[in-house]
Amino acid sequence: MFVSTIVMVLLTPYILERLGDERYGIYLIIYPIMQYVVLMEMGLRGSVARFTSKYISVNDTLSLNRIVSTTFVFCLLISLVVMTLSFLLGGFSTRFFNISEQYHLQTMHLVLALGFVTVISFLSYSFTGVIIGHNRYELQNAGMLIQTVGRAALVVILFSLGWVSLSSWAWAMIVSSVLGLIFWIWSSCYLQKGLRLRWQLVNKETVKELFGFGMWNMILQLSGFLVLSVNAVIIGKFLGTDKVPYYAIPFMLVTRLQSIVMGLTTTLRPHASSTLASGDKALLAKLLVVGTYVAAMITFPVGGVLLVMCKALFRVWLPVGYESSWVIYGVLMIAFFGSITQSASHAILIGGGRIRGLALVYLVATLASVGLGIAFVGYLGMGIVGAAIALVIPRFISNCLFQTWYASSQTGLRFIRYLSDSYTRPMLCSLPSVALGSLLVYLLPPGNLIYWVLEYILALTPFAVLALAGVLDWPMREKIVARLVGLIGLKAK
């Protein structure tokens, strides 16, 4: 997640400067729209991860092979449909969003490439499911890094050679996604020696097992895709594609922080699955509190310091005119401070299969966001800020309030006690860093991105000191402190 964040920080202004607002805006609209195609897998990804973890834990190789074979065959069948829809969507998008005629062919190439990347993602489910089932997240993330770094490197190479277009970006995505798939196939075969893909293993019972859970997971996916895409589409339709980056870039910072936290808390899914099977509710409750506590330790200081330093970041990081977009980040974080810290409860509820109530509430909240977004931007003239507010109101209710209560009730925890144990110390320990970050950008305004990064790191120092001093209790603290003491002692000698 650290590497992909660095890639995003460096690549965003590079691409924005070369493609311009309109072409970059086209990508920011088309990419989230194409995410809806993922719904064709009907929640299969989460279902595969859940059942591969289950069968690997009990060493049931036959059932495991049935799961991965059924998944692969189903994904292979829907791949043709995905590519057909991508072709149709490419032609529709150019007319619906009034894209300049000179960019029509590039837009078509981009949509087809995103469709192909989606197909590769589908085909990888069987293999990444095995990797997750073995709790080898470093291999899953290595494949993602191959795709992320490979795509960035190819974009820079192609643009440097003079091929500056959405078509070049499309080819970079295609090549990097294939490389990632090859790595995941090798990794899964290495981990699971008896792994086999067989048409004969596909049966009705396995399909029922996968999609019985997958349908509710699909509703969660639909809600997530709407959150990612709906405001970009609304802004593009009512205000123009060139206005989309002014919302999408601050939103990208929010989702990047969310991805970092989810990268940690997603590892709770297989543990929740096995714990539910054993019936140990006390352990499930402990997983929830510890997971939320760790998520809060990241979200409050990192997101809080970024909030007070965001205006300065946009001034030194992005082209002229984007500085005022820091307001969008501030509005979004009203809900996302709570939403991101609840990534742990989300992972545990999915791993434990207790998602029906959550899925329905998510769907209602997301549809409310769509309605409010159209009203605020299209009819009330509230602009980009209105789009952010439309997302925040329902999300605060569904993610910050309902999900918190739902997770605590499912694990037998008292609601207020759960909030107190998970949030109090991380929040209080973050305040000195937030205050220092605000003071630094006021007294020493950074002149470039490097100085901003140095001030940001300096602002996080008080939180790090409190964490290492034991004010915060967190995994690996004693080992890290012991190593630091050892290194200091070694240098002293």
Protein backbone atom coordinates (compact mmCIF):
# COMPACT_ATOMS: atom_id res chain seq x y z
CA MET A 1 0.00 0.00 0.00
CA PHE A 2 2.91 2.32 0.70
CA VAL A 3 4.40 1.73 -2.75
CA SER A 4 1.08 2.14 -4.55
CA THR A 5 0.44 5.38 -2.63
CA ILE A 6 3.83 6.74 -3.73
CA VAL A 7 3.03 5.74 -7.31
CA MET A 8 -0.32 7.54 -7.09
CA VAL A 9 1.26 10.70 -5.66
CA LEU A 10 3.94 10.85 -8.37
CA LEU A 11 1.83 9.69 -11.31
CA THR A 12 -1.29 11.85 -10.79
CA PRO A 13 0.25 15.27 -11.55
CA TYR A 14 2.41 13.69 -14.30
CA ILE A 15 -0.61 12.29 -16.15
CA LEU A 16 -2.83 15.30 -15.43
CA GLU A 17 -0.27 17.68 -16.91
CA ARG A 18 0.20 15.63 -20.09
CA LEU A 19 -3.35 14.49 -20.78
CA GLY A 20 -5.11 17.67 -19.63
CA ASP A 21 -8.30 18.08 -17.62
CA GLU A 22 -10.70 16.63 -20.20
CA ARG A 23 -8.86 13.39 -21.00
CA TYR A 24 -7.98 12.80 -17.36
CA GLY A 25 -11.60 13.53 -16.50
CA ILE A 26 -12.68 10.92 -19.08
CA TYR A 27 -10.61 8.31 -17.27
CA LEU A 28 -11.96 9.35 -13.87
CA ILE A 29 -15.51 8.85 -15.15
CA ILE A 30 -15.01 5.69 -17.24
CA TYR A 31 -12.96 3.80 -14.65
CA PRO A 32 -15.60 3.78 -11.87
CA ILE A 33 -18.39 3.10 -14.39
CA MET A 34 -16.53 0.01 -15.57
CA GLN A 35 -16.43 -1.19 -11.97
CA TYR A 36 -20.14 -1.98 -12.27
CA VAL A 37 -19.25 -4.74 -14.72
CA VAL A 38 -17.68 -6.51 -11.75
CA LEU A 39 -21.22 -7.05 -10.42
CA MET A 40 -21.61 -9.76 -13.06
CA GLU A 41 -19.59 -12.05 -10.80
CA MET A 42 -22.43 -11.73 -8.24
CA GLY A 43 -20.27 -11.35 -5.15
CA LEU A 44 -18.08 -14.30 -6.09
CA ARG A 45 -14.77 -12.82 -4.95
CA GLY A 46 -15.69 -12.54 -1.27
CA SER A 47 -17.40 -15.92 -1.40
CA VAL A 48 -14.32 -17.63 -2.86
CA ALA A 49 -12.05 -16.11 -0.20
CA ARG A 50 -14.41 -17.29 2.54
CA PHE A 51 -14.73 -20.91 1.38
CA THR A 52 -11.12 -21.42 0.31
CA SER A 53 -10.10 -20.32 3.82
CA LYS A 54 -12.59 -22.77 5.28
CA TYR A 55 -11.46 -25.81 3.25
CA ILE A 56 -7.74 -25.08 3.49
CA SER A 57 -8.05 -24.86 7.30
CA VAL A 58 -9.56 -28.38 7.42
CA ASN A 59 -7.28 -29.73 4.67
CA ASP A 60 -10.20 -30.66 2.38
CA THR A 61 -8.43 -30.56 -0.99
CA LEU A 62 -11.34 -32.04 -2.97
CA SER A 63 -13.81 -29.36 -1.81
CA LEU A 64 -11.17 -26.70 -2.39
CA ASN A 65 -10.67 -27.86 -5.98
CA ARG A 66 -14.43 -27.82 -6.50
CA ILE A 67 -14.56 -24.21 -5.34
CA VAL A 68 -11.68 -22.98 -7.52
CA SER A 69 -12.83 -24.98 -10.57
CA THR A 70 -16.41 -23.73 -10.34
CA THR A 71 -15.16 -20.17 -9.88
CA PHE A 72 -12.79 -20.33 -12.86
CA VAL A 73 -15.36 -21.85 -15.22
CA PHE A 74 -18.01 -19.30 -14.26
CA CYS A 75 -15.57 -16.39 -14.70
CA LEU A 76 -14.46 -17.77 -18.07
CA LEU A 77 -18.07 -17.87 -19.27
CA ILE A 78 -18.86 -14.29 -18.27
CA SER A 79 -15.67 -12.91 -19.80
CA LEU A 80 -17.20 -12.80 -23.28
CA VAL A 81 -20.19 -10.90 -21.91
CA VAL A 82 -17.87 -8.44 -20.18
CA MET A 83 -16.00 -7.63 -23.39
CA THR A 84 -19.25 -7.21 -25.33
CA LEU A 85 -20.60 -4.81 -22.70
CA SER A 86 -17.31 -2.91 -22.76
CA PHE A 87 -17.62 -2.36 -26.50
CA LEU A 88 -21.20 -1.10 -26.17
CA LEU A 89 -20.31 1.11 -23.22
CA GLY A 90 -17.46 2.71 -25.14
CA GLY A 91 -19.79 3.97 -27.86
CA PHE A 92 -22.43 5.09 -25.36
CA SER A 93 -20.00 7.03 -23.16
CA THR A 94 -18.75 9.30 -25.94
CA ARG A 95 -22.30 10.51 -26.63
CA PHE A 96 -23.64 10.64 -23.07
CA PHE A 97 -20.78 12.73 -21.67
CA ASN A 98 -20.36 14.89 -24.82
CA ILE A 99 -16.72 13.86 -25.21
CA SER A 100 -14.80 15.79 -27.87
CA GLU A 101 -14.74 13.92 -31.18
CA GLN A 102 -10.95 13.86 -31.28
CA TYR A 103 -10.96 11.66 -28.15
CA HIS A 104 -13.65 9.17 -29.24
CA LEU A 105 -11.22 6.46 -30.40
CA GLN A 106 -9.00 6.89 -27.35
CA THR A 107 -12.06 6.56 -25.11
CA MET A 108 -13.05 3.34 -26.87
CA HIS A 109 -9.55 1.91 -26.38
CA LEU A 110 -9.67 2.86 -22.69
CA VAL A 111 -13.04 1.20 -22.12
CA LEU A 112 -11.99 -2.01 -23.91
CA ALA A 113 -8.76 -2.12 -21.89
CA LEU A 114 -10.67 -1.70 -18.63
CA GLY A 115 -12.98 -4.52 -19.74
CA PHE A 116 -9.98 -6.76 -20.38
CA VAL A 117 -8.50 -5.85 -16.99
CA THR A 118 -11.84 -6.82 -15.42
CA VAL A 119 -11.70 -10.19 -17.17
CA ILE A 120 -8.18 -10.77 -15.84
CA SER A 121 -9.42 -9.84 -12.37
CA PHE A 122 -12.23 -12.41 -12.64
CA LEU A 123 -9.90 -15.16 -13.76
CA SER A 124 -7.58 -14.42 -10.84
CA TYR A 125 -10.27 -15.12 -8.20
CA SER A 126 -9.54 -18.85 -8.04
CA PHE A 127 -5.84 -18.25 -7.47
CA THR A 128 -5.97 -15.26 -5.11
CA GLY A 129 -8.61 -17.17 -3.13
CA VAL A 130 -6.07 -19.94 -2.48
CA ILE A 131 -3.43 -17.36 -1.52
CA ILE A 132 -5.82 -15.69 0.96
CA GLY A 133 -6.85 -19.07 2.32
CA HIS A 134 -3.21 -19.70 3.22
CA ASN A 135 -2.95 -16.24 4.83
CA ARG A 136 -0.15 -15.36 2.41
CA TYR A 137 -1.19 -11.79 1.81
CA GLU A 138 2.35 -10.79 0.88
CA LEU A 139 1.97 -12.87 -2.29
CA GLN A 140 -1.40 -11.34 -3.12
CA ASN A 141 0.04 -7.87 -2.58
CA ALA A 142 3.15 -8.69 -4.60
CA GLY A 143 0.91 -9.41 -7.59
CA MET A 144 -0.88 -6.11 -7.05
CA LEU A 145 2.48 -4.32 -6.89
CA ILE A 146 3.53 -5.91 -10.17
CA GLN A 147 0.37 -4.50 -11.72
CA THR A 148 0.64 -1.06 -10.09
CA VAL A 149 4.34 -0.43 -10.64
CA GLY A 150 4.30 -2.09 -14.07
CA ARG A 151 1.41 0.09 -15.23
CA ALA A 152 3.09 3.26 -13.96
CA ALA A 153 6.42 2.37 -15.58
CA LEU A 154 4.79 1.57 -18.93
CA VAL A 155 2.80 4.82 -18.88
CA VAL A 156 5.96 6.87 -18.28
CA ILE A 157 7.86 4.97 -21.00
CA LEU A 158 5.08 5.34 -23.58
CA PHE A 159 4.47 9.00 -22.78
CA SER A 160 8.23 9.69 -22.92
CA LEU A 161 8.33 8.17 -26.40
CA GLY A 162 5.67 10.65 -27.51
CA TRP A 163 2.62 8.37 -27.35
CA VAL A 164 0.64 10.61 -25.02
CA SER A 165 -2.94 9.35 -25.17
CA LEU A 166 -5.57 7.32 -23.37
CA SER A 167 -4.71 4.48 -25.79
CA SER A 168 -1.18 4.28 -24.40
CA TRP A 169 -2.60 4.19 -20.89
CA ALA A 170 -4.89 1.38 -22.02
CA TRP A 171 -1.99 -0.76 -23.25
CA ALA A 172 -0.11 -0.18 -20.01
CA MET A 173 -3.09 -1.50 -18.03
CA ILE A 174 -3.46 -4.59 -20.23
CA VAL A 175 0.19 -5.67 -20.05
CA SER A 176 0.55 -5.08 -16.30
CA SER A 177 -2.67 -6.96 -15.45
CA VAL A 178 -1.50 -10.03 -17.38
CA LEU A 179 1.83 -10.01 -15.53
CA GLY A 180 0.01 -9.91 -12.19
CA LEU A 181 -2.21 -12.86 -13.16
CA ILE A 182 0.79 -14.96 -14.15
CA PHE A 183 2.38 -14.30 -10.76
CA TRP A 184 -0.80 -15.28 -8.86
CA ILE A 185 -1.16 -18.52 -10.82
CA TRP A 186 2.40 -19.49 -9.96
CA SER A 187 1.96 -18.51 -6.29
CA SER A 188 -1.25 -20.52 -5.79
CA CYS A 189 0.23 -23.63 -7.40
CA TYR A 190 3.30 -23.26 -5.19
CA LEU A 191 1.22 -22.99 -2.00
CA GLN A 192 -1.34 -25.69 -2.80
CA LYS A 193 0.43 -28.65 -4.33
CA GLY A 194 -2.79 -30.54 -5.04
CA LEU A 195 -4.53 -27.59 -6.72
CA ARG A 196 -6.43 -28.67 -9.82
CA LEU A 197 -8.82 -26.98 -12.22
CA ARG A 198 -11.25 -29.57 -13.61
CA TRP A 199 -14.51 -29.14 -15.52
CA GLN A 200 -15.75 -32.38 -13.91
CA LEU A 201 -15.56 -30.82 -10.44
CA VAL A 202 -18.16 -28.16 -11.27
CA ASN A 203 -21.50 -29.14 -9.72
CA LYS A 204 -24.79 -27.65 -8.57
CA GLU A 205 -24.04 -27.94 -4.85
CA THR A 206 -20.83 -25.90 -5.16
CA VAL A 207 -22.57 -23.22 -7.21
CA LYS A 208 -25.29 -22.98 -4.56
CA GLU A 209 -22.69 -22.77 -1.80
CA LEU A 210 -20.78 -19.99 -3.53
CA PHE A 211 -23.67 -17.81 -4.62
CA GLY A 212 -25.80 -18.27 -1.52
CA PHE A 213 -23.32 -16.06 0.27
CA GLY A 214 -22.23 -14.22 -2.87
CA MET A 215 -25.59 -12.56 -3.58
CA TRP A 216 -25.49 -10.59 -0.34
CA ASN A 217 -21.85 -9.77 -0.97
CA MET A 218 -22.85 -8.48 -4.41
CA ILE A 219 -25.20 -5.96 -2.78
CA LEU A 220 -22.26 -4.71 -0.70
CA GLN A 221 -20.17 -4.48 -3.87
CA LEU A 222 -22.89 -2.52 -5.66
CA SER A 223 -23.00 -0.04 -2.79
CA GLY A 224 -19.21 0.30 -2.87
CA PHE A 225 -19.14 0.89 -6.63
CA LEU A 226 -21.85 3.54 -6.40
CA VAL A 227 -19.87 5.36 -3.72
CA LEU A 228 -16.76 5.29 -5.93
CA SER A 229 -18.42 6.35 -9.16
CA VAL A 230 -21.71 8.16 -8.69
CA ASN A 231 -20.36 11.64 -7.91
CA ALA A 232 -17.87 11.57 -10.79
CA VAL A 233 -20.70 10.64 -13.16
CA ILE A 234 -23.04 13.31 -11.75
CA ILE A 235 -20.35 16.00 -11.93
CA GLY A 236 -19.36 14.93 -15.45
CA LYS A 237 -22.96 15.03 -16.64
CA PHE A 238 -24.03 18.33 -15.07
CA LEU A 239 -20.77 20.29 -14.81
CA GLY A 240 -18.55 18.74 -17.53
CA THR A 241 -15.74 16.16 -17.60
CA ASP A 242 -13.10 18.85 -17.02
CA LYS A 243 -14.55 19.49 -13.54
CA VAL A 244 -14.33 15.84 -12.43
CA PRO A 245 -10.64 15.93 -11.31
CA TYR A 246 -11.43 18.70 -8.79
CA TYR A 247 -13.60 16.19 -6.92
CA ALA A 248 -11.87 12.93 -7.86
CA ILE A 249 -8.36 13.82 -6.67
CA PRO A 250 -9.31 14.68 -3.04
CA PHE A 251 -11.63 11.66 -3.08
CA MET A 252 -8.65 9.59 -4.24
CA LEU A 253 -6.74 10.63 -1.12
CA VAL A 254 -9.65 9.48 1.03
CA THR A 255 -9.93 6.11 -0.70
CA ARG A 256 -6.15 5.66 -0.57
CA LEU A 257 -6.25 6.00 3.21
CA GLN A 258 -9.18 3.58 3.25
CA SER A 259 -7.23 1.09 1.13
CA ILE A 260 -4.25 1.23 3.48
CA VAL A 261 -6.42 0.44 6.50
CA MET A 262 -8.39 -2.23 4.64
CA GLY A 263 -5.11 -3.78 3.56
CA LEU A 264 -4.53 -4.57 7.23
CA THR A 265 -8.05 -5.37 8.37
CA THR A 266 -8.90 -7.65 5.43
CA THR A 267 -6.60 -10.23 7.03
CA LEU A 268 -9.28 -10.66 9.70
CA ARG A 269 -11.67 -12.31 7.22
CA PRO A 270 -10.27 -15.86 7.30
CA HIS A 271 -9.84 -15.63 11.08
CA ALA A 272 -13.48 -14.60 11.46
CA SER A 273 -14.49 -17.52 9.25
CA SER A 274 -12.61 -20.10 11.32
CA THR A 275 -13.66 -18.48 14.62
CA LEU A 276 -17.32 -18.60 13.62
CA ALA A 277 -16.94 -22.28 12.79
CA SER A 278 -15.53 -22.94 16.26
CA GLY A 279 -18.29 -20.93 17.95
CA ASP A 280 -15.84 -18.83 19.98
CA LYS A 281 -17.82 -15.58 20.25
CA ALA A 282 -15.41 -14.07 22.78
CA LEU A 283 -12.52 -14.38 20.33
CA LEU A 284 -14.66 -12.81 17.60
CA ALA A 285 -15.37 -9.85 19.90
CA LYS A 286 -11.66 -9.50 20.66
CA LEU A 287 -10.84 -9.50 16.95
CA LEU A 288 -13.37 -6.72 16.44
CA VAL A 289 -12.01 -4.46 19.20
CA VAL A 290 -8.35 -4.99 18.32
CA GLY A 291 -9.02 -4.55 14.59
CA THR A 292 -10.95 -1.30 15.08
CA TYR A 293 -8.33 -0.03 17.55
CA VAL A 294 -5.50 -0.59 15.06
CA ALA A 295 -7.56 0.96 12.24
CA ALA A 296 -8.16 4.04 14.43
CA MET A 297 -4.41 4.24 15.19
CA ILE A 298 -3.79 4.74 11.48
CA THR A 299 -6.85 6.74 10.45
CA PHE A 300 -6.93 9.44 13.13
CA PRO A 301 -3.30 10.65 12.93
CA VAL A 302 -2.72 10.09 9.20
CA GLY A 303 -6.09 11.46 8.10
CA GLY A 304 -6.22 14.19 10.73
CA VAL A 305 -2.80 15.65 9.93
CA LEU A 306 -3.56 15.42 6.22
CA LEU A 307 -6.78 17.36 6.84
CA VAL A 308 -5.00 20.40 8.32
CA MET A 309 -2.18 20.20 5.74
CA CYS A 310 -4.31 19.36 2.69
CA LYS A 311 -4.55 22.90 1.32
CA ALA A 312 -0.75 23.23 1.35
CA LEU A 313 -0.41 19.81 -0.31
CA PHE A 314 -2.68 20.74 -3.21
CA ARG A 315 -0.78 24.01 -3.68
CA VAL A 316 2.62 22.31 -4.12
CA TRP A 317 1.45 19.01 -5.67
CA LEU A 318 -1.16 19.85 -8.31
CA PRO A 319 -1.46 22.41 -11.13
CA VAL A 320 -2.67 25.94 -10.39
CA GLY A 321 -6.36 26.10 -9.53
CA TYR A 322 -6.63 22.91 -7.48
CA GLU A 323 -5.77 24.42 -4.09
CA SER A 324 -9.41 25.07 -3.18
CA SER A 325 -10.23 21.36 -3.63
CA TRP A 326 -8.93 20.69 -0.12
CA VAL A 327 -12.45 21.62 1.04
CA ILE A 328 -13.76 18.49 -0.71
CA TYR A 329 -11.34 16.33 1.27
CA GLY A 330 -12.46 18.01 4.50
CA VAL A 331 -16.15 17.45 3.80
CA LEU A 332 -15.63 13.80 2.83
CA MET A 333 -13.61 13.01 5.93
CA ILE A 334 -16.56 13.99 8.16
CA ALA A 335 -17.96 10.54 7.40
CA PHE A 336 -14.83 8.67 6.37
CA PHE A 337 -13.05 9.06 9.71
CA GLY A 338 -15.68 6.70 11.11
CA SER A 339 -16.14 4.68 7.93
CA ILE A 340 -12.45 3.81 7.51
CA THR A 341 -12.00 2.84 11.15
CA GLN A 342 -14.91 0.43 10.72
CA SER A 343 -13.00 -1.53 8.06
CA ALA A 344 -12.27 -4.12 10.74
CA SER A 345 -15.94 -4.69 11.52
CA HIS A 346 -16.65 -4.90 7.79
CA ALA A 347 -14.02 -7.61 7.34
CA ILE A 348 -15.24 -9.58 10.36
CA LEU A 349 -18.89 -9.43 9.32
CA ILE A 350 -18.02 -10.64 5.81
CA GLY A 351 -15.69 -13.35 7.12
CA GLY A 352 -18.38 -14.52 9.52
CA GLY A 353 -21.06 -14.40 6.84
CA ARG A 354 -23.27 -11.99 8.83
CA ILE A 355 -23.89 -9.41 6.14
CA ARG A 356 -27.60 -9.45 5.23
CA GLY A 357 -28.65 -6.55 7.44
CA LEU A 358 -25.48 -4.64 6.59
CA ALA A 359 -25.95 -5.15 2.85
CA LEU A 360 -29.53 -3.84 2.88
CA VAL A 361 -28.65 -0.73 4.90
CA TYR A 362 -25.65 -0.04 2.64
CA LEU A 363 -27.84 -0.25 -0.44
CA VAL A 364 -30.47 2.14 0.93
CA ALA A 365 -27.80 4.63 2.04
CA THR A 366 -26.04 4.52 -1.33
CA LEU A 367 -29.25 5.05 -3.29
CA ALA A 368 -29.98 8.00 -1.01
CA SER A 369 -26.53 9.40 -1.93
CA VAL A 370 -27.38 9.12 -5.62
CA GLY A 371 -30.66 10.96 -5.18
CA LEU A 372 -29.12 13.68 -3.05
CA GLY A 373 -26.20 14.07 -5.47
CA ILE A 374 -28.49 14.62 -8.45
CA ALA A 375 -30.60 17.09 -6.44
CA PHE A 376 -27.67 19.05 -4.97
CA VAL A 377 -25.57 19.27 -8.15
CA GLY A 378 -28.13 19.14 -10.94
CA TYR A 379 -31.00 21.17 -9.51
CA LEU A 380 -29.84 23.17 -6.46
CA GLY A 381 -26.58 24.34 -8.05
CA MET A 382 -24.40 23.37 -5.09
CA GLY A 383 -21.56 22.30 -7.37
CA ILE A 384 -18.77 19.92 -6.40
CA VAL A 385 -19.17 20.62 -2.68
CA GLY A 386 -22.82 19.57 -2.97
CA ALA A 387 -21.74 16.22 -4.42
CA ALA A 388 -19.45 15.64 -1.44
CA ILE A 389 -22.18 16.56 1.06
CA ALA A 390 -24.61 14.21 -0.69
CA LEU A 391 -22.20 11.33 -0.13
CA VAL A 392 -21.36 12.20 3.47
CA ILE A 393 -24.87 12.36 4.99
CA PRO A 394 -26.10 8.79 4.22
CA ARG A 395 -22.63 7.28 4.66
CA PHE A 396 -22.29 8.72 8.15
CA ILE A 397 -25.58 7.10 9.14
CA SER A 398 -24.91 3.70 7.53
CA ASN A 399 -21.18 3.21 8.13
CA CYS A 400 -20.42 5.26 11.23
CA LEU A 401 -23.60 4.62 13.21
CA PHE A 402 -25.44 1.51 11.97
CA GLN A 403 -22.42 -0.66 11.10
CA THR A 404 -20.77 0.12 14.42
CA TRP A 405 -23.91 -0.89 16.33
CA TYR A 406 -24.52 -3.95 14.11
CA ALA A 407 -20.99 -5.30 14.53
CA SER A 408 -21.02 -4.85 18.30
CA SER A 409 -24.42 -6.57 18.62
CA GLN A 410 -23.32 -9.50 16.45
CA THR A 411 -20.27 -10.11 18.66
CA GLY A 412 -22.00 -9.55 22.01
CA LEU A 413 -20.25 -6.26 22.83
CA ARG A 414 -21.89 -3.25 24.41
CA PHE A 415 -22.07 -0.44 21.88
CA ILE A 416 -20.68 2.39 24.05
CA ARG A 417 -17.97 0.15 25.54
CA TYR A 418 -16.91 -0.90 22.06
CA LEU A 419 -16.58 2.73 20.93
CA SER A 420 -14.70 3.72 24.09
CA ASP A 421 -12.21 0.84 23.95
CA SER A 422 -11.56 1.27 20.22
CA TYR A 423 -11.44 5.04 19.73
CA THR A 424 -10.58 6.98 22.88
CA ARG A 425 -6.80 6.59 23.13
CA PRO A 426 -6.04 6.72 19.36
CA MET A 427 -8.10 9.90 19.04
CA LEU A 428 -6.54 11.68 22.03
CA CYS A 429 -3.00 10.69 21.01
CA SER A 430 -3.62 12.10 17.51
CA LEU A 431 -4.46 15.61 18.72
CA PRO A 432 -0.84 16.77 19.32
CA SER A 433 0.12 15.74 15.80
CA VAL A 434 -2.89 17.49 14.27
CA ALA A 435 -2.02 20.67 16.20
CA LEU A 436 1.64 20.49 15.13
CA GLY A 437 0.70 19.93 11.47
CA SER A 438 -1.54 23.00 11.52
CA LEU A 439 1.21 25.06 13.13
CA LEU A 440 3.88 23.96 10.64
CA VAL A 441 1.96 24.89 7.48
CA TYR A 442 1.00 28.23 9.04
CA LEU A 443 4.48 29.25 10.23
CA LEU A 444 6.56 27.44 7.57
CA PRO A 445 4.49 27.14 4.36
CA PRO A 446 6.16 24.40 2.25
CA GLY A 447 7.57 25.56 -1.06
CA ASN A 448 7.50 22.18 -2.81
CA LEU A 449 6.28 18.61 -2.37
CA ILE A 450 9.48 17.38 -0.71
CA TYR A 451 9.25 20.03 2.03
CA TRP A 452 5.59 19.22 2.51
CA VAL A 453 6.38 15.52 2.99
CA LEU A 454 9.08 16.38 5.54
CA GLU A 455 6.68 18.61 7.50
CA TYR A 456 3.99 15.92 7.33
CA ILE A 457 6.37 13.32 8.77
CA LEU A 458 7.48 15.77 11.45
CA ALA A 459 3.85 16.42 12.39
CA LEU A 460 3.28 12.69 12.94
CA THR A 461 6.23 12.50 15.35
CA PRO A 462 4.25 13.26 18.57
CA PHE A 463 1.85 10.43 17.81
CA ALA A 464 4.74 8.05 17.10
CA VAL A 465 6.42 9.00 20.39
CA LEU A 466 3.22 8.40 22.37
CA ALA A 467 2.70 5.08 20.59
CA LEU A 468 6.24 3.86 21.28
CA ALA A 469 6.11 5.11 24.87
CA GLY A 470 3.26 2.74 25.60
CA VAL A 471 0.40 5.24 25.82
CA LEU A 472 -1.08 3.19 23.00
CA ASP A 473 -1.12 -0.59 23.20
CA TRP A 474 -0.65 -2.08 19.75
CA PRO A 475 0.69 -5.27 18.14
CA MET A 476 4.47 -5.55 17.78
CA ARG A 477 5.14 -2.46 19.96
CA GLU A 478 7.39 -4.28 22.43
CA LYS A 479 9.44 -5.90 19.67
CA ILE A 480 9.90 -2.61 17.80
CA VAL A 481 10.86 -0.73 20.97
CA ALA A 482 13.34 -3.48 21.90
CA ARG A 483 14.95 -3.26 18.46
CA LEU A 484 15.19 0.53 18.66
CA VAL A 485 16.77 0.33 22.11
CA GLY A 486 19.16 -2.29 20.80
CA LEU A 487 20.17 -0.15 17.85
CA ILE A 488 20.70 2.91 20.07
CA GLY A 489 22.80 0.86 22.48
CA LEU A 490 24.84 -0.58 19.61
CA LYS A 491 25.59 2.90 18.23
CA ALA A 492 26.52 4.15 21.70
CA LYS A 493 29.09 1.35 22.01
